[in-house]
C-alpha atoms as a PDB file:
ATOM      1  CA  MET A   1       0.000   0.000   0.000  1.00  0.00           C
ATOM      2  CA  PRO A   2       1.387   3.460  -0.904  1.00  0.00           C
ATOM      3  CA  GLU A   3       2.558   5.550   2.049  1.00  0.00           C
ATOM      4  CA  ARG A   4      -0.004   8.262   1.356  1.00  0.00           C
ATOM      5  CA  GLN A   5      -2.866   5.772   1.487  1.00  0.00           C
ATOM      6  CA  LYS A   6      -1.566   4.388   4.788  1.00  0.00           C
ATOM      7  CA  PHE A   7      -1.458   7.932   6.144  1.00  0.00           C
ATOM      8  CA  LEU A   8      -5.008   8.655   4.963  1.00  0.00           C
ATOM      9  CA  ASN A   9      -6.281   5.453   6.545  1.00  0.00           C
ATOM     10  CA  GLN A  10      -4.649   6.430   9.849  1.00  0.00           C
ATOM     11  CA  LEU A  11      -6.231   9.854   9.721  1.00  0.00           C
ATOM     12  CA  VAL A  12      -9.674   8.463   8.906  1.00  0.00           C
ATOM     13  CA  SER A  13      -9.387   6.114  11.890  1.00  0.00           C
ATOM     14  CA  ARG A  14      -8.451   9.013  14.186  1.00  0.00           C
ATOM     15  CA  ILE A  15     -11.445  11.035  13.020  1.00  0.00           C
ATOM     16  CA  LEU A  16     -13.898   8.160  13.365  1.00  0.00           C
ATOM     17  CA  ALA A  17     -12.556   7.416  16.852  1.00  0.00           C
ATOM     18  CA  ALA A  18     -13.375  10.995  17.876  1.00  0.00           C
ATOM     19  CA  GLN A  19     -16.929  10.922  16.514  1.00  0.00           C
ATOM     20  CA  ASN A  20     -19.831  11.122  18.940  1.00  0.00           C
ATOM     21  CA  ASP A  21     -23.622  11.177  18.671  1.00  0.00           C
ATOM     22  CA  GLY A  22     -23.664  14.833  17.613  1.00  0.00           C
ATOM     23  CA  ILE A  23     -21.638  16.788  15.079  1.00  0.00           C
ATOM     24  CA  LEU A  24     -17.859  16.389  15.220  1.00  0.00           C
ATOM     25  CA  ARG A  25     -16.417  19.680  13.984  1.00  0.00           C
ATOM     26  CA  VAL A  26     -13.002  19.086  12.402  1.00  0.00           C
ATOM     27  CA  ALA A  27     -10.679  21.903  11.320  1.00  0.00           C
ATOM     28  CA  ILE A  28      -7.951  21.309   8.735  1.00  0.00           C
ATOM     29  CA  ASN A  29      -5.548  24.230   9.013  1.00  0.00           C
ATOM     30  CA  GLY A  30      -2.251  25.238   7.461  1.00  0.00           C
ATOM     31  CA  VAL A  31      -0.679  28.050   5.497  1.00  0.00           C
ATOM     32  CA  ASP A  32      -2.000  28.921   2.061  1.00  0.00           C
ATOM     33  CA  GLY A  33      -0.914  26.287  -0.444  1.00  0.00           C
ATOM     34  CA  SER A  34      -0.245  23.616   2.168  1.00  0.00           C
ATOM     35  CA  GLY A  35      -2.782  21.201   0.673  1.00  0.00           C
ATOM     36  CA  LYS A  36      -5.734  21.644   3.032  1.00  0.00           C
ATOM     37  CA  THR A  37      -8.517  21.465   0.457  1.00  0.00           C
ATOM     38  CA  ARG A  38      -7.188  18.386  -1.305  1.00  0.00           C
ATOM     39  CA  LEU A  39      -6.757  16.577   2.001  1.00  0.00           C
ATOM     40  CA  ALA A  40     -10.215  17.563   3.244  1.00  0.00           C
ATOM     41  CA  ASP A  41     -11.791  16.341   0.010  1.00  0.00           C
ATOM     42  CA  GLU A  42      -9.910  13.044   0.205  1.00  0.00           C
ATOM     43  CA  LEU A  43     -10.937  12.526   3.809  1.00  0.00           C
ATOM     44  CA  ALA A  44     -14.557  13.318   2.986  1.00  0.00           C
ATOM     45  CA  ARG A  45     -14.548  10.692   0.248  1.00  0.00           C
ATOM     46  CA  LEU A  46     -12.952   8.041   2.457  1.00  0.00           C
ATOM     47  CA  LEU A  47     -15.209   8.779   5.415  1.00  0.00           C
ATOM     48  CA  ARG A  48     -18.305   8.581   3.228  1.00  0.00           C
ATOM     49  CA  ALA A  49     -17.057   5.236   1.927  1.00  0.00           C
ATOM     50  CA  LYS A  50     -17.265   4.085   5.544  1.00  0.00           C
ATOM     51  CA  SER A  51     -20.869   5.349   5.725  1.00  0.00           C
ATOM     52  CA  ALA A  52     -20.046   8.479   7.703  1.00  0.00           C
ATOM     53  CA  ASN A  53     -22.317  11.486   7.227  1.00  0.00           C
ATOM     54  CA  VAL A  54     -19.894  14.236   6.135  1.00  0.00           C
ATOM     55  CA  ILE A  55     -20.500  17.975   5.786  1.00  0.00           C
ATOM     56  CA  ARG A  56     -17.791  19.780   3.764  1.00  0.00           C
ATOM     57  CA  ALA A  57     -17.105  23.480   4.126  1.00  0.00           C
ATOM     58  CA  SER A  58     -14.323  26.029   3.771  1.00  0.00           C
ATOM     59  CA  ILE A  59     -13.700  29.388   5.389  1.00  0.00           C
ATOM     60  CA  ASP A  60     -12.972  30.617   1.848  1.00  0.00           C
ATOM     61  CA  ASP A  61     -16.744  30.852   1.398  1.00  0.00           C
ATOM     62  CA  PHE A  62     -17.020  33.330   4.278  1.00  0.00           C
ATOM     63  CA  HIS A  63     -14.794  36.152   3.058  1.00  0.00           C
ATOM     64  CA  ASN A  64     -15.422  39.763   3.927  1.00  0.00           C
ATOM     65  CA  PRO A  65     -16.272  42.145   1.058  1.00  0.00           C
ATOM     66  CA  ARG A  66     -13.261  43.525  -0.816  1.00  0.00           C
ATOM     67  CA  ALA A  67     -13.700  46.979   0.746  1.00  0.00           C
ATOM     68  CA  ILE A  68     -13.209  45.487   4.212  1.00  0.00           C
ATOM     69  CA  ARG A  69     -10.412  43.113   3.203  1.00  0.00           C
ATOM     70  CA  TYR A  70      -8.296  45.935   1.786  1.00  0.00           C
ATOM     71  CA  ALA A  71      -9.338  48.747   4.135  1.00  0.00           C
ATOM     72  CA  LYS A  72      -5.877  48.783   5.747  1.00  0.00           C
ATOM     73  CA  GLY A  73      -4.162  48.858   2.351  1.00  0.00           C
ATOM     74  CA  LYS A  74      -3.523  46.412  -0.453  1.00  0.00           C
ATOM     75  CA  ASN A  75      -0.186  45.321   1.009  1.00  0.00           C
ATOM     76  CA  SER A  76      -1.227  45.208   4.672  1.00  0.00           C
ATOM     77  CA  ALA A  77      -0.321  41.985   6.463  1.00  0.00           C
ATOM     78  CA  GLN A  78      -2.539  43.024   9.378  1.00  0.00           C
ATOM     79  CA  GLY A  79      -5.414  43.504   6.957  1.00  0.00           C
ATOM     80  CA  PHE A  80      -4.919  40.055   5.464  1.00  0.00           C
ATOM     81  CA  TYR A  81      -4.748  38.389   8.868  1.00  0.00           C
ATOM     82  CA  HIS A  82      -7.535  40.237  10.656  1.00  0.00           C
ATOM     83  CA  ASP A  83      -9.929  41.314   7.886  1.00  0.00           C
ATOM     84  CA  SER A  84     -10.016  38.526   5.289  1.00  0.00           C
ATOM     85  CA  PHE A  85     -12.944  36.609   6.772  1.00  0.00           C
ATOM     86  CA  ASP A  86     -16.317  37.376   8.327  1.00  0.00           C
ATOM     87  CA  LEU A  87     -15.762  35.294  11.436  1.00  0.00           C
ATOM     88  CA  LYS A  88     -19.044  36.200  13.107  1.00  0.00           C
ATOM     89  CA  THR A  89     -21.041  35.049  10.080  1.00  0.00           C
ATOM     90  CA  PHE A  90     -18.878  31.925   9.833  1.00  0.00           C
ATOM     91  CA  GLN A  91     -19.788  31.106  13.421  1.00  0.00           C
ATOM     92  CA  ARG A  92     -23.431  32.136  13.178  1.00  0.00           C
ATOM     93  CA  LEU A  93     -24.262  30.216  10.000  1.00  0.00           C
ATOM     94  CA  LEU A  94     -22.032  27.161  10.324  1.00  0.00           C
ATOM     95  CA  LEU A  95     -20.098  26.536  13.518  1.00  0.00           C
ATOM     96  CA  LYS A  96     -22.640  27.470  16.185  1.00  0.00           C
ATOM     97  CA  PRO A  97     -25.652  25.665  14.638  1.00  0.00           C
ATOM     98  CA  LEU A  98     -23.536  22.498  14.495  1.00  0.00           C
ATOM     99  CA  SER A  99     -22.221  22.839  18.041  1.00  0.00           C
ATOM    100  CA  GLN A 100     -23.571  20.834  20.967  1.00  0.00           C
ATOM    101  CA  GLY A 101     -27.065  22.178  21.592  1.00  0.00           C
ATOM    102  CA  GLY A 102     -27.124  24.032  18.264  1.00  0.00           C
ATOM    103  CA  ASN A 103     -30.267  24.116  16.136  1.00  0.00           C
ATOM    104  CA  LEU A 104     -28.619  22.131  13.277  1.00  0.00           C
ATOM    105  CA  HIS A 105     -29.783  24.652  10.638  1.00  0.00           C
ATOM    106  CA  TYR A 106     -26.611  25.650   8.802  1.00  0.00           C
ATOM    107  CA  LYS A 107     -25.130  27.133   5.632  1.00  0.00           C
ATOM    108  CA  THR A 108     -21.779  26.225   4.090  1.00  0.00           C
ATOM    109  CA  ALA A 109     -21.255  29.514   2.238  1.00  0.00           C
ATOM    110  CA  ALA A 110     -22.191  33.169   2.614  1.00  0.00           C
ATOM    111  CA  PHE A 111     -19.955  35.199   0.279  1.00  0.00           C
ATOM    112  CA  ASP A 112     -18.332  34.862  -3.152  1.00  0.00           C
ATOM    113  CA  HIS A 113     -15.022  36.720  -3.013  1.00  0.00           C
ATOM    114  CA  VAL A 114     -14.514  36.402  -6.775  1.00  0.00           C
ATOM    115  CA  THR A 115     -17.670  38.361  -7.615  1.00  0.00           C
ATOM    116  CA  ASP A 116     -17.499  40.271  -4.300  1.00  0.00           C
ATOM    117  CA  SER A 117     -21.133  39.508  -3.571  1.00  0.00           C
ATOM    118  CA  ALA A 118     -23.201  37.870  -0.849  1.00  0.00           C
ATOM    119  CA  LEU A 119     -24.713  34.441  -1.441  1.00  0.00           C
ATOM    120  CA  ASP A 120     -28.347  33.718  -0.636  1.00  0.00           C
ATOM    121  CA  MET A 121     -28.277  30.012   0.092  1.00  0.00           C
ATOM    122  CA  PRO A 122     -31.049  28.076   1.821  1.00  0.00           C
ATOM    123  CA  PHE A 123     -30.421  26.592   5.231  1.00  0.00           C
ATOM    124  CA  ILE A 124     -29.621  22.894   5.390  1.00  0.00           C
ATOM    125  CA  ILE A 125     -30.695  20.742   8.327  1.00  0.00           C
ATOM    126  CA  ALA A 126     -27.937  18.498   9.658  1.00  0.00           C
ATOM    127  CA  LYS A 127     -28.732  14.943  10.692  1.00  0.00           C
ATOM    128  CA  PRO A 128     -26.500  13.707  13.534  1.00  0.00           C
ATOM    129  CA  PRO A 129     -24.267  11.907  13.916  1.00  0.00           C
ATOM    130  CA  ALA A 130     -22.175  13.745  11.353  1.00  0.00           C
ATOM    131  CA  ILE A 131     -18.670  15.024  10.732  1.00  0.00           C
ATOM    132  CA  LEU A 132     -18.066  18.617   9.670  1.00  0.00           C
ATOM    133  CA  LEU A 133     -14.795  18.956   7.735  1.00  0.00           C
ATOM    134  CA  VAL A 134     -13.704  22.588   7.433  1.00  0.00           C
ATOM    135  CA  ASP A 135     -10.512  23.640   5.691  1.00  0.00           C
ATOM    136  CA  GLY A 136      -8.882  27.051   5.717  1.00  0.00           C
ATOM    137  CA  ILE A 137      -6.216  29.422   6.941  1.00  0.00           C
ATOM    138  CA  PHE A 138      -6.383  31.157  10.341  1.00  0.00           C
ATOM    139  CA  LEU A 139      -8.819  28.596  11.785  1.00  0.00           C
ATOM    140  CA  PHE A 140      -7.116  28.390  15.183  1.00  0.00           C
ATOM    141  CA  ASN A 141      -7.286  32.127  15.851  1.00  0.00           C
ATOM    142  CA  GLU A 142      -8.599  33.575  19.108  1.00  0.00           C
ATOM    143  CA  VAL A 143     -12.159  33.838  17.802  1.00  0.00           C
ATOM    144  CA  LEU A 144     -12.498  30.327  16.363  1.00  0.00           C
ATOM    145  CA  LYS A 145     -10.106  28.152  18.357  1.00  0.00           C
ATOM    146  CA  ASP A 146     -12.797  26.720  20.657  1.00  0.00           C
ATOM    147  CA  ASP A 147     -15.276  25.990  17.862  1.00  0.00           C
ATOM    148  CA  PHE A 148     -13.732  22.671  16.804  1.00  0.00           C
ATOM    149  CA  GLU A 149     -13.613  19.334  18.596  1.00  0.00           C
ATOM    150  CA  LEU A 150     -10.696  18.107  16.466  1.00  0.00           C
ATOM    151  CA  LYS A 151      -7.966  20.366  15.104  1.00  0.00           C
ATOM    152  CA  ILE A 152      -5.567  19.187  12.382  1.00  0.00           C
ATOM    153  CA  PHE A 153      -2.570  21.260  11.295  1.00  0.00           C
ATOM    154  CA  LEU A 154      -0.519  20.686   8.147  1.00  0.00           C
ATOM    155  CA  ASP A 155       3.064  21.735   8.849  1.00  0.00           C
ATOM    156  CA  VAL A 156       4.590  22.869   5.542  1.00  0.00           C
ATOM    157  CA  ALA A 157       7.559  25.139   4.828  1.00  0.00           C
ATOM    158  CA  PHE A 158       6.632  28.380   3.064  1.00  0.00           C
ATOM    159  CA  GLU A 159       8.961  27.631   0.155  1.00  0.00           C
ATOM    160  CA  ILE A 160       7.082  24.391  -0.484  1.00  0.00           C
ATOM    161  CA  SER A 161       3.595  25.857  -0.027  1.00  0.00           C
ATOM    162  CA  TYR A 162       4.356  28.720  -2.411  1.00  0.00           C
ATOM    163  CA  ALA A 163       5.738  26.311  -4.987  1.00  0.00           C
ATOM    164  CA  ARG A 164       2.439  24.406  -4.774  1.00  0.00           C
ATOM    165  CA  MET A 165       0.508  27.650  -5.187  1.00  0.00           C
ATOM    166  CA  ALA A 166       2.581  28.479  -8.251  1.00  0.00           C
ATOM    167  CA  VAL A 167       1.243  25.319  -9.861  1.00  0.00           C
ATOM    168  CA  ARG A 168      -2.295  25.878  -8.569  1.00  0.00           C
ATOM    169  CA  ASP A 169      -2.640  29.585  -9.310  1.00  0.00           C
ATOM    170  CA  GLU A 170       0.074  30.191 -11.913  1.00  0.00           C
ATOM    171  CA  SER A 171       1.579  32.745  -9.504  1.00  0.00           C
ATOM    172  CA  LEU A 172       5.087  33.631  -8.445  1.00  0.00           C
ATOM    173  CA  PHE A 173       6.129  31.160  -5.760  1.00  0.00           C
ATOM    174  CA  ASN A 174       8.657  33.382  -3.979  1.00  0.00           C
ATOM    175  CA  PRO A 175       7.098  34.274  -0.588  1.00  0.00           C
ATOM    176  CA  HIS A 176       9.261  37.399  -0.486  1.00  0.00           C
ATOM    177  CA  ALA A 177       8.075  38.722  -3.860  1.00  0.00           C
ATOM    178  CA  PRO A 178       6.290  42.105  -3.506  1.00  0.00           C
ATOM    179  CA  GLU A 179       2.931  40.683  -4.583  1.00  0.00           C
ATOM    180  CA  ASN A 180       3.177  37.972  -1.910  1.00  0.00           C
ATOM    181  CA  ILE A 181       4.373  40.024   1.068  1.00  0.00           C
ATOM    182  CA  ARG A 182       0.816  40.729   2.312  1.00  0.00           C
ATOM    183  CA  TYR A 183       0.019  37.023   2.429  1.00  0.00           C
ATOM    184  CA  TYR A 184       3.396  35.812   3.673  1.00  0.00           C
ATOM    185  CA  GLU A 185       3.674  38.338   6.499  1.00  0.00           C
ATOM    186  CA  GLY A 186      -0.007  37.939   7.446  1.00  0.00           C
ATOM    187  CA  GLN A 187       0.419  34.206   7.880  1.00  0.00           C
ATOM    188  CA  LYS A 188       3.611  34.737   9.868  1.00  0.00           C
ATOM    189  CA  LEU A 189       1.584  36.933  12.224  1.00  0.00           C
ATOM    190  CA  TYR A 190      -0.926  34.116  12.669  1.00  0.00           C
ATOM    191  CA  LEU A 191       1.756  31.485  13.268  1.00  0.00           C
ATOM    192  CA  ALA A 192       3.499  33.658  15.855  1.00  0.00           C
ATOM    193  CA  GLU A 193       0.335  34.772  17.650  1.00  0.00           C
ATOM    194  CA  CYS A 194      -1.737  31.588  17.649  1.00  0.00           C
ATOM    195  CA  LYS A 195       0.935  28.865  17.499  1.00  0.00           C
ATOM    196  CA  PRO A 196      -1.330  26.448  15.614  1.00  0.00           C
ATOM    197  CA  GLN A 197       1.229  23.641  15.749  1.00  0.00           C
ATOM    198  CA  GLN A 198       0.872  23.633  19.530  1.00  0.00           C
ATOM    199  CA  GLN A 199      -2.921  23.829  19.406  1.00  0.00           C
ATOM    200  CA  ALA A 200      -3.323  20.933  16.991  1.00  0.00           C
ATOM    201  CA  ASP A 201      -4.769  17.644  18.177  1.00  0.00           C
ATOM    202  CA  ILE A 202      -3.183  16.081  15.093  1.00  0.00           C
ATOM    203  CA  LEU A 203       0.039  17.598  13.725  1.00  0.00           C
ATOM    204  CA  ILE A 204       1.161  16.460  10.290  1.00  0.00           C
ATOM    205  CA  ASP A 205       4.461  16.888   8.467  1.00  0.00           C
ATOM    206  CA  TYR A 206       2.985  17.607   5.043  1.00  0.00           C
ATOM    207  CA  ASN A 207       6.077  18.742   3.157  1.00  0.00           C
ATOM    208  CA  ASP A 208       6.024  15.631   0.969  1.00  0.00           C
ATOM    209  CA  LEU A 209       2.559  14.869  -0.381  1.00  0.00           C
ATOM    210  CA  GLU A 210       3.456  11.267  -1.150  1.00  0.00           C
ATOM    211  CA  THR A 211       4.900  10.495   2.288  1.00  0.00           C
ATOM    212  CA  PRO A 212       3.105  12.692   4.842  1.00  0.00           C
ATOM    213  CA  ARG A 213       3.476  11.634   8.446  1.00  0.00           C
ATOM    214  CA  LEU A 214       1.830  12.209  11.785  1.00  0.00           C
ATOM    215  CA  ILE A 215       4.137  14.000  14.213  1.00  0.00           C
END
């Protein structure tokens, strides 16, 4: 069996072992380009193959409007870190309804950052037991850190994550390039302030996609 498949099987077992009768809220965090979305999608597929009820979501669907995101300036690291996402809406529409005692009426998206417009999606009613898999940057910040029962962090060097983004987005992969400073420095602020590696219930060395390993 390939090493990656062994790793995925281990991770699926850890998630299933943490499941309860309600909604298990799982955060998959890491710097931009670390591979969060791909991993979350793979885990969702494997968990569903084991008959788990999986809800998939991403904080990318809860951005703030462009005017708020860039209010501190186009190159502001503070603006990227603190103003990218509408955390209150993220909690109100997704995390709180799926918490213990929540009303189970949730939405997985509220804003399209590409068109810079709000989304009017109907509420969905969750049916416990279920597993919520959320991927995104900044998920272990002071506002959100207590909203997940299981926190997974992908530990990836910036040089590697930016090289992956270069393939994904056809962008310059140098984290020190002028167009990347906002994002690089903003994520450094998050890493220094929130120490997500220390918060993680599951810490993963994800520098090599073919041979990731639990730390």
